[in-house]
């Protein structure tokens, strides 16, 4: 039985041209009809010995013109194409989800900031006027002594009553000292260390 191989028609045509030959001339060189090489486009199955002669005439190693064995059927190609299209659709969905996720995270962060502000306001509402006055006085005197008139003016600007400020002064054991005489006399408040 004669062993047949499938000729790689594209490579054969390229090698014929590379060798400066025509398809008709190469067909005659093989001892075949002028249209032999052209007809190989339709019927690629040829005896292995014919492929070997072609290779020798073109200066190639025997077996060089045998078409690589394609074990993928047309049905398998269709399945692979379908998978490729589905992967493309999945990639688009993932891109959309990534954008949506970024928007959700941004909103969640914004909501978290708003919730923290609300919590701070609720804490502030839950504190008594005396506690607010104590915190205010601590923060004002944290940097050292301060003019009592300035502290009183700032406390009023922050909505702290004078009575609550004086109670906070007493509870925090704020000390005071005076400097100057007459119109130049100033009272300084400070928290002893």
N, C-alpha and C. Protein backbone atom coordinates (compact mmCIF):
# COMPACT_ATOMS: atom_id res chain seq x y z
N UNK A 1 0.84 -1.18 0.00
CA UNK A 1 0.00 0.00 0.00
C UNK A 1 0.88 1.25 0.00
N UNK A 2 0.50 2.23 -0.77
CA UNK A 2 1.28 3.46 -0.92
C UNK A 2 0.92 4.40 0.22
N UNK A 3 1.97 4.89 0.92
CA UNK A 3 1.76 5.84 2.03
C UNK A 3 1.52 7.22 1.46
N UNK A 4 0.42 7.85 1.93
CA UNK A 4 0.07 9.18 1.42
C UNK A 4 0.29 10.21 2.52
N UNK A 5 0.61 11.43 2.09
CA UNK A 5 0.79 12.55 3.01
C UNK A 5 0.00 13.74 2.48
N UNK A 6 -0.28 14.67 3.36
CA UNK A 6 -1.00 15.88 2.95
C UNK A 6 0.02 16.99 2.72
N UNK A 7 0.04 17.52 1.50
CA UNK A 7 1.01 18.55 1.09
C UNK A 7 0.57 19.92 1.63
N UNK A 8 1.54 20.65 2.19
CA UNK A 8 1.30 22.03 2.64
C UNK A 8 1.39 22.90 1.39
N UNK A 9 0.24 23.18 0.76
CA UNK A 9 0.19 23.86 -0.53
C UNK A 9 0.79 25.27 -0.46
N UNK A 10 0.52 25.99 0.60
CA UNK A 10 1.06 27.34 0.74
C UNK A 10 2.58 27.33 0.78
N UNK A 11 3.14 26.43 1.55
CA UNK A 11 4.60 26.35 1.65
C UNK A 11 5.20 25.91 0.32
N UNK A 12 4.54 24.94 -0.36
CA UNK A 12 5.04 24.48 -1.65
C UNK A 12 5.11 25.63 -2.65
N UNK A 13 4.04 26.43 -2.73
CA UNK A 13 4.02 27.57 -3.66
C UNK A 13 5.10 28.59 -3.31
N UNK A 14 5.29 28.81 -2.02
CA UNK A 14 6.32 29.77 -1.58
C UNK A 14 7.71 29.27 -1.95
N UNK A 15 7.98 27.97 -1.78
CA UNK A 15 9.29 27.41 -2.11
C UNK A 15 9.55 27.42 -3.62
N UNK A 16 8.48 27.15 -4.40
CA UNK A 16 8.61 27.19 -5.87
C UNK A 16 9.01 28.60 -6.29
N UNK A 17 8.33 29.61 -5.76
CA UNK A 17 8.64 31.00 -6.10
C UNK A 17 10.04 31.37 -5.62
N UNK A 18 10.41 30.92 -4.43
CA UNK A 18 11.73 31.24 -3.89
C UNK A 18 12.85 30.68 -4.77
N UNK A 19 12.57 29.56 -5.40
CA UNK A 19 13.56 28.95 -6.28
C UNK A 19 13.49 29.50 -7.70
N UNK A 20 12.64 30.52 -7.91
CA UNK A 20 12.55 31.17 -9.23
C UNK A 20 11.86 30.30 -10.27
N UNK A 21 10.98 29.44 -9.84
CA UNK A 21 10.29 28.56 -10.78
C UNK A 21 8.82 28.94 -10.83
N UNK A 22 8.12 28.43 -11.84
CA UNK A 22 6.67 28.62 -11.94
C UNK A 22 6.00 27.31 -11.57
N UNK A 23 4.72 27.38 -11.27
CA UNK A 23 3.97 26.17 -10.93
C UNK A 23 3.93 25.23 -12.14
N UNK A 24 3.70 25.81 -13.33
CA UNK A 24 3.63 24.98 -14.54
C UNK A 24 4.98 24.31 -14.82
N UNK A 25 6.04 25.12 -14.72
CA UNK A 25 7.38 24.59 -14.99
C UNK A 25 7.76 23.51 -13.99
N UNK A 26 7.41 23.70 -12.71
CA UNK A 26 7.74 22.70 -11.68
C UNK A 26 6.92 21.43 -11.90
N UNK A 27 5.66 21.61 -12.35
CA UNK A 27 4.82 20.44 -12.66
C UNK A 27 5.48 19.59 -13.75
N UNK A 28 5.97 20.24 -14.81
CA UNK A 28 6.63 19.52 -15.90
C UNK A 28 7.94 18.88 -15.42
N UNK A 29 8.66 19.60 -14.51
CA UNK A 29 9.90 19.07 -13.96
C UNK A 29 9.64 17.77 -13.18
N UNK A 30 8.47 17.67 -12.58
CA UNK A 30 8.09 16.46 -11.84
C UNK A 30 7.62 15.35 -12.78
N UNK A 31 7.46 15.71 -14.06
CA UNK A 31 6.99 14.72 -15.04
C UNK A 31 5.47 14.62 -15.01
N UNK A 32 4.83 15.65 -14.62
CA UNK A 32 3.36 15.68 -14.53
C UNK A 32 2.80 16.71 -15.52
N UNK A 33 1.47 16.85 -15.54
CA UNK A 33 0.84 17.82 -16.43
C UNK A 33 1.10 19.24 -15.91
N UNK A 34 0.93 20.23 -16.79
CA UNK A 34 1.19 21.63 -16.43
C UNK A 34 0.35 22.08 -15.23
N UNK A 35 -0.84 21.58 -15.08
CA UNK A 35 -1.75 22.02 -14.01
C UNK A 35 -1.62 21.19 -12.73
N UNK A 36 -0.64 20.30 -12.65
CA UNK A 36 -0.50 19.40 -11.50
C UNK A 36 -0.39 20.18 -10.18
N UNK A 37 0.50 21.13 -10.11
CA UNK A 37 0.72 21.89 -8.86
C UNK A 37 -0.53 22.71 -8.54
N UNK A 38 -1.15 23.32 -9.52
CA UNK A 38 -2.37 24.11 -9.28
C UNK A 38 -3.49 23.22 -8.75
N UNK A 39 -3.57 21.99 -9.25
CA UNK A 39 -4.61 21.06 -8.80
C UNK A 39 -4.38 20.59 -7.36
N UNK A 40 -3.14 20.72 -6.86
CA UNK A 40 -2.86 20.30 -5.48
C UNK A 40 -3.63 21.15 -4.46
N UNK A 41 -4.08 22.32 -4.87
CA UNK A 41 -4.86 23.17 -3.96
C UNK A 41 -6.15 22.46 -3.56
N UNK A 42 -6.67 21.61 -4.49
CA UNK A 42 -7.92 20.88 -4.22
C UNK A 42 -7.65 19.50 -3.64
N UNK A 43 -6.66 18.82 -4.15
CA UNK A 43 -6.36 17.45 -3.70
C UNK A 43 -4.95 17.41 -3.15
N UNK A 44 -4.82 17.62 -1.87
CA UNK A 44 -3.48 17.72 -1.25
C UNK A 44 -2.91 16.35 -0.88
N UNK A 45 -3.74 15.34 -0.82
CA UNK A 45 -3.26 14.00 -0.48
C UNK A 45 -2.44 13.46 -1.66
N UNK A 46 -1.16 13.18 -1.42
CA UNK A 46 -0.26 12.68 -2.47
C UNK A 46 0.62 11.58 -1.88
N UNK A 47 1.16 10.73 -2.75
CA UNK A 47 2.08 9.71 -2.25
C UNK A 47 3.31 10.37 -1.60
N UNK A 48 3.81 9.75 -0.55
CA UNK A 48 4.95 10.30 0.18
C UNK A 48 6.16 10.43 -0.74
N UNK A 49 6.31 9.52 -1.69
CA UNK A 49 7.46 9.56 -2.59
C UNK A 49 7.43 10.81 -3.46
N UNK A 50 6.23 11.27 -3.87
CA UNK A 50 6.11 12.49 -4.68
C UNK A 50 6.56 13.70 -3.84
N UNK A 51 6.17 13.73 -2.56
CA UNK A 51 6.60 14.83 -1.68
C UNK A 51 8.12 14.84 -1.54
N UNK A 52 8.73 13.64 -1.44
CA UNK A 52 10.18 13.56 -1.29
C UNK A 52 10.89 14.08 -2.54
N UNK A 53 10.35 13.76 -3.74
CA UNK A 53 10.95 14.24 -4.99
C UNK A 53 10.83 15.76 -5.07
N UNK A 54 9.64 16.29 -4.66
CA UNK A 54 9.46 17.75 -4.66
C UNK A 54 10.51 18.41 -3.77
N UNK A 55 10.72 17.85 -2.59
CA UNK A 55 11.71 18.42 -1.65
C UNK A 55 13.11 18.40 -2.25
N UNK A 56 13.48 17.30 -2.90
CA UNK A 56 14.81 17.19 -3.49
C UNK A 56 14.97 18.25 -4.59
N UNK A 57 13.96 18.39 -5.44
CA UNK A 57 14.03 19.37 -6.53
C UNK A 57 14.07 20.82 -6.01
N UNK A 58 13.49 21.05 -4.82
CA UNK A 58 13.47 22.41 -4.26
C UNK A 58 14.61 22.64 -3.25
N UNK A 59 15.45 21.60 -3.04
CA UNK A 59 16.57 21.74 -2.11
C UNK A 59 16.13 21.72 -0.65
N UNK A 60 15.09 20.98 -0.33
CA UNK A 60 14.58 20.89 1.04
C UNK A 60 14.78 19.50 1.58
N UNK A 61 14.73 19.38 2.88
CA UNK A 61 14.77 18.07 3.52
C UNK A 61 13.47 17.34 3.22
N UNK A 62 13.51 16.07 2.91
CA UNK A 62 12.27 15.32 2.69
C UNK A 62 11.37 15.41 3.94
N UNK A 63 10.10 15.64 3.70
CA UNK A 63 9.14 15.82 4.79
C UNK A 63 8.85 17.27 5.10
N UNK A 64 9.60 18.18 4.48
CA UNK A 64 9.44 19.61 4.74
C UNK A 64 8.13 20.16 4.19
N UNK A 65 7.57 19.51 3.19
CA UNK A 65 6.35 20.01 2.58
C UNK A 65 5.09 19.30 3.10
N UNK A 66 5.27 18.45 4.10
CA UNK A 66 4.10 17.76 4.67
C UNK A 66 3.39 18.73 5.61
N UNK A 67 2.09 18.85 5.42
CA UNK A 67 1.28 19.76 6.24
C UNK A 67 1.26 19.25 7.67
N UNK A 68 1.43 20.17 8.59
CA UNK A 68 1.39 19.80 10.02
C UNK A 68 0.04 19.18 10.31
N UNK A 69 0.06 18.11 11.07
CA UNK A 69 -1.17 17.39 11.38
C UNK A 69 -2.07 18.25 12.24
N UNK A 70 -3.19 18.58 11.71
CA UNK A 70 -4.16 19.38 12.44
C UNK A 70 -5.17 18.43 13.05
N UNK A 71 -5.10 18.28 14.34
CA UNK A 71 -6.00 17.34 15.02
C UNK A 71 -7.26 18.02 15.51
N UNK A 72 -7.45 19.31 15.19
CA UNK A 72 -8.64 20.03 15.63
C UNK A 72 -9.68 19.95 14.52
N UNK A 73 -10.82 19.42 14.85
CA UNK A 73 -11.90 19.30 13.87
C UNK A 73 -12.61 20.64 13.73
N UNK A 74 -13.37 20.81 12.66
CA UNK A 74 -14.13 22.06 12.49
C UNK A 74 -15.10 22.31 13.66
N UNK A 75 -15.66 21.24 14.19
CA UNK A 75 -16.57 21.40 15.34
C UNK A 75 -15.81 21.93 16.55
N UNK A 76 -14.58 21.43 16.73
CA UNK A 76 -13.76 21.91 17.85
C UNK A 76 -13.36 23.37 17.66
N UNK A 77 -13.10 23.74 16.42
CA UNK A 77 -12.78 25.14 16.13
C UNK A 77 -13.96 26.03 16.49
N UNK A 78 -15.16 25.59 16.17
CA UNK A 78 -16.38 26.35 16.48
C UNK A 78 -16.54 26.49 17.99
N UNK A 79 -16.27 25.41 18.73
CA UNK A 79 -16.37 25.46 20.20
C UNK A 79 -15.35 26.45 20.75
N UNK A 80 -14.14 26.43 20.23
CA UNK A 80 -13.09 27.36 20.69
C UNK A 80 -13.49 28.80 20.38
N UNK A 81 -14.06 29.03 19.20
CA UNK A 81 -14.52 30.38 18.85
C UNK A 81 -15.60 30.85 19.81
N UNK A 82 -16.54 29.96 20.13
CA UNK A 82 -17.61 30.30 21.09
C UNK A 82 -17.03 30.65 22.45
N UNK A 83 -16.06 29.86 22.89
CA UNK A 83 -15.41 30.12 24.18
C UNK A 83 -14.72 31.49 24.15
N UNK A 84 -14.05 31.79 23.05
CA UNK A 84 -13.36 33.07 22.90
C UNK A 84 -14.35 34.23 23.00
N UNK A 85 -15.51 34.11 22.31
CA UNK A 85 -16.51 35.17 22.36
C UNK A 85 -17.09 35.32 23.76
N UNK A 86 -17.32 34.19 24.44
CA UNK A 86 -17.86 34.26 25.80
C UNK A 86 -16.84 34.88 26.76
N UNK A 87 -15.57 34.57 26.56
CA UNK A 87 -14.53 35.17 27.41
C UNK A 87 -14.48 36.69 27.19
N UNK A 88 -14.67 37.11 25.94
CA UNK A 88 -14.71 38.55 25.66
C UNK A 88 -15.88 39.22 26.37
N UNK A 89 -17.04 38.55 26.36
CA UNK A 89 -18.21 39.10 27.05
C UNK A 89 -17.98 39.15 28.56
N UNK A 90 -17.34 38.11 29.08
CA UNK A 90 -17.03 38.08 30.52
C UNK A 90 -16.07 39.20 30.87
N UNK A 91 -15.08 39.44 30.01
CA UNK A 91 -14.12 40.52 30.26
C UNK A 91 -14.83 41.87 30.31
N UNK A 92 -15.78 42.08 29.39
CA UNK A 92 -16.54 43.34 29.39
C UNK A 92 -17.34 43.49 30.68
N UNK A 93 -17.97 42.38 31.12
CA UNK A 93 -18.74 42.42 32.37
C UNK A 93 -17.83 42.73 33.56
N UNK A 94 -16.65 42.12 33.57
CA UNK A 94 -15.72 42.38 34.67
C UNK A 94 -15.29 43.84 34.69
N UNK A 95 -15.08 44.42 33.51
CA UNK A 95 -14.72 45.84 33.44
C UNK A 95 -15.85 46.71 34.00
N UNK A 96 -17.11 46.35 33.63
CA UNK A 96 -18.25 47.10 34.15
C UNK A 96 -18.35 46.95 35.66
N UNK A 97 -18.15 45.72 36.14
CA UNK A 97 -18.22 45.48 37.59
C UNK A 97 -17.13 46.24 38.33
N UNK A 98 -15.94 46.30 37.73
CA UNK A 98 -14.85 47.04 38.38
C UNK A 98 -15.22 48.51 38.53
N UNK A 99 -15.80 49.08 37.47
CA UNK A 99 -16.24 50.48 37.55
C UNK A 99 -17.32 50.67 38.59
N UNK A 100 -18.28 49.74 38.62
CA UNK A 100 -19.37 49.83 39.61
C UNK A 100 -18.82 49.67 41.02
N UNK A 101 -17.87 48.77 41.19
CA UNK A 101 -17.28 48.55 42.51
C UNK A 101 -16.57 49.81 42.99
N UNK A 102 -15.85 50.47 42.09
CA UNK A 102 -15.16 51.71 42.47
C UNK A 102 -16.17 52.77 42.91
N UNK A 103 -17.29 52.87 42.17
CA UNK A 103 -18.32 53.85 42.54
C UNK A 103 -18.94 53.50 43.90
N UNK A 104 -19.19 52.21 44.12
CA UNK A 104 -19.76 51.79 45.41
C UNK A 104 -18.81 52.08 46.56
N UNK A 105 -17.53 51.81 46.34
CA UNK A 105 -16.54 52.08 47.40
C UNK A 105 -16.46 53.57 47.69
N UNK A 106 -16.52 54.38 46.65
CA UNK A 106 -16.48 55.84 46.85
C UNK A 106 -17.69 56.29 47.65
N UNK A 107 -18.87 55.75 47.31
CA UNK A 107 -20.08 56.11 48.06
C UNK A 107 -20.01 55.60 49.49
N UNK A 108 -19.47 54.39 49.66
CA UNK A 108 -19.35 53.84 51.02
C UNK A 108 -18.42 54.70 51.86
N UNK A 109 -17.31 55.15 51.25
CA UNK A 109 -16.39 56.02 51.97
C UNK A 109 -17.05 57.34 52.33
N UNK A 110 -17.80 57.89 51.39
CA UNK A 110 -18.50 59.15 51.65
C UNK A 110 -19.53 58.95 52.77
N UNK A 111 -20.24 57.84 52.71
CA UNK A 111 -21.22 57.54 53.75
C UNK A 111 -20.54 57.34 55.10
N UNK A 112 -19.37 56.71 55.11
CA UNK A 112 -18.64 56.50 56.35
C UNK A 112 -18.25 57.83 56.98
N UNK A 113 -17.79 58.76 56.15
CA UNK A 113 -17.42 60.09 56.64
C UNK A 113 -18.65 60.78 57.21
N UNK A 114 -19.78 60.68 56.50
CA UNK A 114 -21.01 61.31 56.99
C UNK A 114 -21.46 60.67 58.30
N UNK A 115 -21.35 59.36 58.39
CA UNK A 115 -21.74 58.66 59.62
C UNK A 115 -20.87 59.10 60.78
N UNK A 116 -19.56 59.26 60.53
CA UNK A 116 -18.66 59.72 61.59
C UNK A 116 -19.03 61.13 62.04
N UNK A 117 -19.39 61.98 61.10
CA UNK A 117 -19.81 63.34 61.46
C UNK A 117 -21.08 63.30 62.30
N UNK A 118 -22.01 62.43 61.91
CA UNK A 118 -23.25 62.30 62.68
C UNK A 118 -22.96 61.79 64.09
N UNK A 119 -22.05 60.81 64.19
CA UNK A 119 -21.68 60.29 65.51
C UNK A 119 -21.08 61.39 66.37
N UNK A 120 -20.20 62.21 65.77
CA UNK A 120 -19.60 63.31 66.52
C UNK A 120 -20.67 64.28 67.01
N UNK A 121 -21.64 64.57 66.11
CA UNK A 121 -22.72 65.48 66.51
C UNK A 121 -23.54 64.87 67.64
N UNK A 122 -23.82 63.58 67.56
CA UNK A 122 -24.60 62.91 68.61
C UNK A 122 -23.83 62.91 69.93
N UNK A 123 -22.52 62.68 69.84
CA UNK A 123 -21.70 62.73 71.06
C UNK A 123 -21.78 64.12 71.66
N UNK A 124 -21.67 65.11 70.75
CA UNK A 124 -21.72 66.50 71.19
C UNK A 124 -23.06 66.81 71.85
N UNK A 125 -24.15 66.28 71.29
CA UNK A 125 -25.47 66.50 71.87
C UNK A 125 -25.61 65.79 73.22
N UNK A 126 -24.92 64.65 73.36
CA UNK A 126 -25.01 63.87 74.60
C UNK A 126 -24.20 64.45 75.74
N UNK A 127 -23.30 65.38 75.44
CA UNK A 127 -22.48 65.98 76.50
C UNK A 127 -23.23 67.15 77.15
N UNK A 128 -22.96 67.29 78.39
CA UNK A 128 -23.59 68.41 79.11
C UNK A 128 -22.82 69.71 78.80
N UNK A 129 -23.46 70.83 79.12
CA UNK A 129 -22.81 72.12 78.90
C UNK A 129 -21.53 72.21 79.72
N UNK A 130 -21.54 71.63 80.94
CA UNK A 130 -20.37 71.65 81.80
C UNK A 130 -19.21 70.87 81.14
N UNK A 131 -19.50 69.69 80.54
CA UNK A 131 -18.46 68.90 79.88
C UNK A 131 -17.88 69.65 78.67
N UNK A 132 -18.76 70.30 77.92
CA UNK A 132 -18.30 71.10 76.77
C UNK A 132 -17.38 72.23 77.24
N UNK A 133 -17.75 72.86 78.35
CA UNK A 133 -16.94 73.96 78.88
C UNK A 133 -15.58 73.44 79.34
N UNK A 134 -15.55 72.27 79.98
CA UNK A 134 -14.28 71.68 80.44
C UNK A 134 -13.37 71.39 79.26
N UNK A 135 -13.92 70.77 78.19
CA UNK A 135 -13.11 70.46 77.01
C UNK A 135 -12.60 71.73 76.35
N UNK A 136 -13.46 72.73 76.26
CA UNK A 136 -13.06 74.00 75.65
C UNK A 136 -11.91 74.63 76.44
N UNK A 137 -12.05 74.67 77.76
CA UNK A 137 -11.03 75.31 78.60
C UNK A 137 -9.71 74.55 78.54
N UNK A 138 -9.77 73.23 78.52
CA UNK A 138 -8.54 72.41 78.39
C UNK A 138 -7.84 72.73 77.08
N UNK A 139 -8.60 72.80 75.99
CA UNK A 139 -7.98 73.05 74.69
C UNK A 139 -7.40 74.46 74.62
N UNK A 140 -8.09 75.43 75.22
CA UNK A 140 -7.60 76.81 75.18
C UNK A 140 -6.30 76.97 75.98
N UNK A 141 -6.21 76.27 77.09
CA UNK A 141 -5.04 76.45 77.96
C UNK A 141 -3.96 75.39 77.74
N UNK A 142 -4.16 74.55 76.72
CA UNK A 142 -3.18 73.49 76.45
C UNK A 142 -1.82 74.07 76.07
N UNK A 143 -1.82 75.23 75.43
CA UNK A 143 -0.56 75.83 74.98
C UNK A 143 0.10 76.70 76.03
N UNK A 144 -0.47 76.80 77.20
CA UNK A 144 0.10 77.65 78.26
C UNK A 144 -0.90 78.70 78.70
N UNK A 145 -0.41 79.69 79.43
CA UNK A 145 -1.32 80.71 79.99
C UNK A 145 -1.96 81.53 78.89
N UNK A 146 -3.18 82.06 79.23
CA UNK A 146 -3.93 82.84 78.26
C UNK A 146 -4.67 83.94 78.99
N UNK A 147 -4.84 85.06 78.34
CA UNK A 147 -5.56 86.20 78.90
C UNK A 147 -7.00 85.76 79.17
N UNK A 148 -7.48 85.99 80.42
CA UNK A 148 -8.82 85.53 80.81
C UNK A 148 -9.91 86.19 79.98
N UNK A 149 -9.74 87.46 79.62
CA UNK A 149 -10.76 88.15 78.81
C UNK A 149 -10.90 87.49 77.44
N UNK A 150 -9.77 87.09 76.85
CA UNK A 150 -9.78 86.43 75.55
C UNK A 150 -10.46 85.07 75.64
N UNK A 151 -10.20 84.32 76.73
CA UNK A 151 -10.83 83.01 76.93
C UNK A 151 -12.34 83.19 77.05
N UNK A 152 -12.77 84.18 77.84
CA UNK A 152 -14.21 84.42 78.04
C UNK A 152 -14.88 84.80 76.72
N UNK A 153 -14.24 85.68 75.94
CA UNK A 153 -14.81 86.08 74.65
C UNK A 153 -14.93 84.89 73.69
N UNK A 154 -13.90 84.05 73.63
CA UNK A 154 -13.94 82.89 72.73
C UNK A 154 -14.97 81.87 73.19
N UNK A 155 -15.13 81.71 74.51
CA UNK A 155 -16.13 80.76 75.02
C UNK A 155 -17.53 81.21 74.64
N UNK A 156 -17.80 82.52 74.74
CA UNK A 156 -19.11 83.04 74.35
C UNK A 156 -19.33 82.84 72.85
N UNK A 157 -18.27 83.02 72.06
CA UNK A 157 -18.38 82.83 70.61
C UNK A 157 -18.69 81.36 70.28
N UNK A 158 -18.27 80.45 71.14
CA UNK A 158 -18.53 79.02 70.93
C UNK A 158 -19.80 78.55 71.62
N UNK A 159 -20.59 79.47 72.14
CA UNK A 159 -21.88 79.13 72.75
C UNK A 159 -21.78 78.55 74.16
N UNK A 160 -20.69 78.83 74.84
CA UNK A 160 -20.51 78.33 76.21
C UNK A 160 -20.88 79.46 77.17
N UNK A 161 -21.78 79.14 78.09
CA UNK A 161 -22.23 80.14 79.06
C UNK A 161 -21.10 80.44 80.04
N UNK A 162 -21.12 81.66 80.53
CA UNK A 162 -20.08 82.11 81.47
C UNK A 162 -20.12 81.28 82.76
N UNK A 163 -21.32 80.91 83.24
CA UNK A 163 -21.44 80.13 84.47
C UNK A 163 -20.80 78.75 84.29
N UNK A 164 -21.02 78.12 83.11
CA UNK A 164 -20.41 76.80 82.84
C UNK A 164 -18.90 76.92 82.75
N UNK A 165 -18.42 78.02 82.18
CA UNK A 165 -16.97 78.24 82.07
C UNK A 165 -16.34 78.38 83.45
N UNK A 166 -17.00 79.10 84.33
CA UNK A 166 -16.45 79.29 85.67
C UNK A 166 -16.46 77.99 86.48
N UNK A 167 -17.50 77.16 86.29
CA UNK A 167 -17.53 75.85 86.95
C UNK A 167 -16.40 74.98 86.42
N UNK A 168 -16.17 75.02 85.10
CA UNK A 168 -15.09 74.25 84.49
C UNK A 168 -13.74 74.73 85.02
N UNK A 169 -13.59 76.04 85.20
CA UNK A 169 -12.34 76.62 85.75
C UNK A 169 -12.09 76.08 87.14
N UNK A 170 -13.16 76.04 87.93
CA UNK A 170 -13.02 75.54 89.30
C UNK A 170 -12.68 74.05 89.29
N UNK A 171 -13.42 73.23 88.51
CA UNK A 171 -13.21 71.77 88.50
C UNK A 171 -11.85 71.38 87.95
N UNK A 172 -11.34 72.14 86.98
CA UNK A 172 -10.03 71.85 86.40
C UNK A 172 -8.89 72.46 87.23
N UNK A 173 -9.27 73.17 88.27
CA UNK A 173 -8.31 73.82 89.17
C UNK A 173 -7.37 74.75 88.38
N UNK A 174 -8.01 75.57 87.52
CA UNK A 174 -7.26 76.55 86.73
C UNK A 174 -6.78 77.64 87.68
N UNK A 175 -5.51 77.95 87.60
CA UNK A 175 -4.92 79.02 88.40
C UNK A 175 -4.94 80.31 87.60
N UNK A 176 -4.78 81.40 88.30
CA UNK A 176 -4.71 82.68 87.62
C UNK A 176 -3.64 83.55 88.25
N UNK A 177 -3.12 84.44 87.45
CA UNK A 177 -2.14 85.42 87.94
C UNK A 177 -2.44 86.73 87.25
N UNK A 178 -1.98 87.79 87.86
CA UNK A 178 -2.22 89.11 87.27
C UNK A 178 -0.89 89.79 87.00
N UNK A 179 -0.92 90.60 85.99
CA UNK A 179 0.27 91.39 85.66
C UNK A 179 -0.18 92.83 85.43
N UNK A 180 0.68 93.77 85.69
CA UNK A 180 0.39 95.18 85.45
C UNK A 180 -0.46 95.79 86.55
N UNK A 181 -0.69 97.12 86.43
CA UNK A 181 -1.46 97.88 87.42
C UNK A 181 -2.46 98.77 86.72
N UNK A 182 -3.56 98.99 87.40
CA UNK A 182 -4.56 99.93 86.88
C UNK A 182 -5.16 99.45 85.58
N UNK A 183 -5.16 100.36 84.59
CA UNK A 183 -5.75 100.03 83.29
C UNK A 183 -4.95 98.96 82.55
N UNK A 184 -3.72 98.80 82.87
CA UNK A 184 -2.85 97.83 82.19
C UNK A 184 -2.87 96.47 82.87
N UNK A 185 -3.67 96.32 83.90
CA UNK A 185 -3.71 95.04 84.63
C UNK A 185 -4.43 93.99 83.78
N UNK A 186 -3.81 92.80 83.71
CA UNK A 186 -4.40 91.68 82.96
C UNK A 186 -4.38 90.46 83.85
N UNK A 187 -5.42 89.62 83.67
CA UNK A 187 -5.50 88.36 84.41
C UNK A 187 -5.23 87.23 83.44
N UNK A 188 -4.36 86.34 83.84
CA UNK A 188 -3.94 85.21 83.01
C UNK A 188 -4.44 83.92 83.64
N UNK A 189 -5.01 83.03 82.83
CA UNK A 189 -5.43 81.71 83.33
C UNK A 189 -4.43 80.67 82.81
N UNK A 190 -4.17 79.67 83.66
CA UNK A 190 -3.30 78.58 83.24
C UNK A 190 -3.60 77.34 84.08
N UNK A 191 -3.29 76.19 83.52
CA UNK A 191 -3.45 74.93 84.24
C UNK A 191 -2.10 74.58 84.82
N UNK A 192 -2.02 74.47 86.19
CA UNK A 192 -0.72 74.16 86.78
C UNK A 192 -0.22 72.78 86.36
N UNK A 193 1.08 72.69 86.20
CA UNK A 193 1.64 71.41 85.76
C UNK A 193 1.94 70.49 86.91
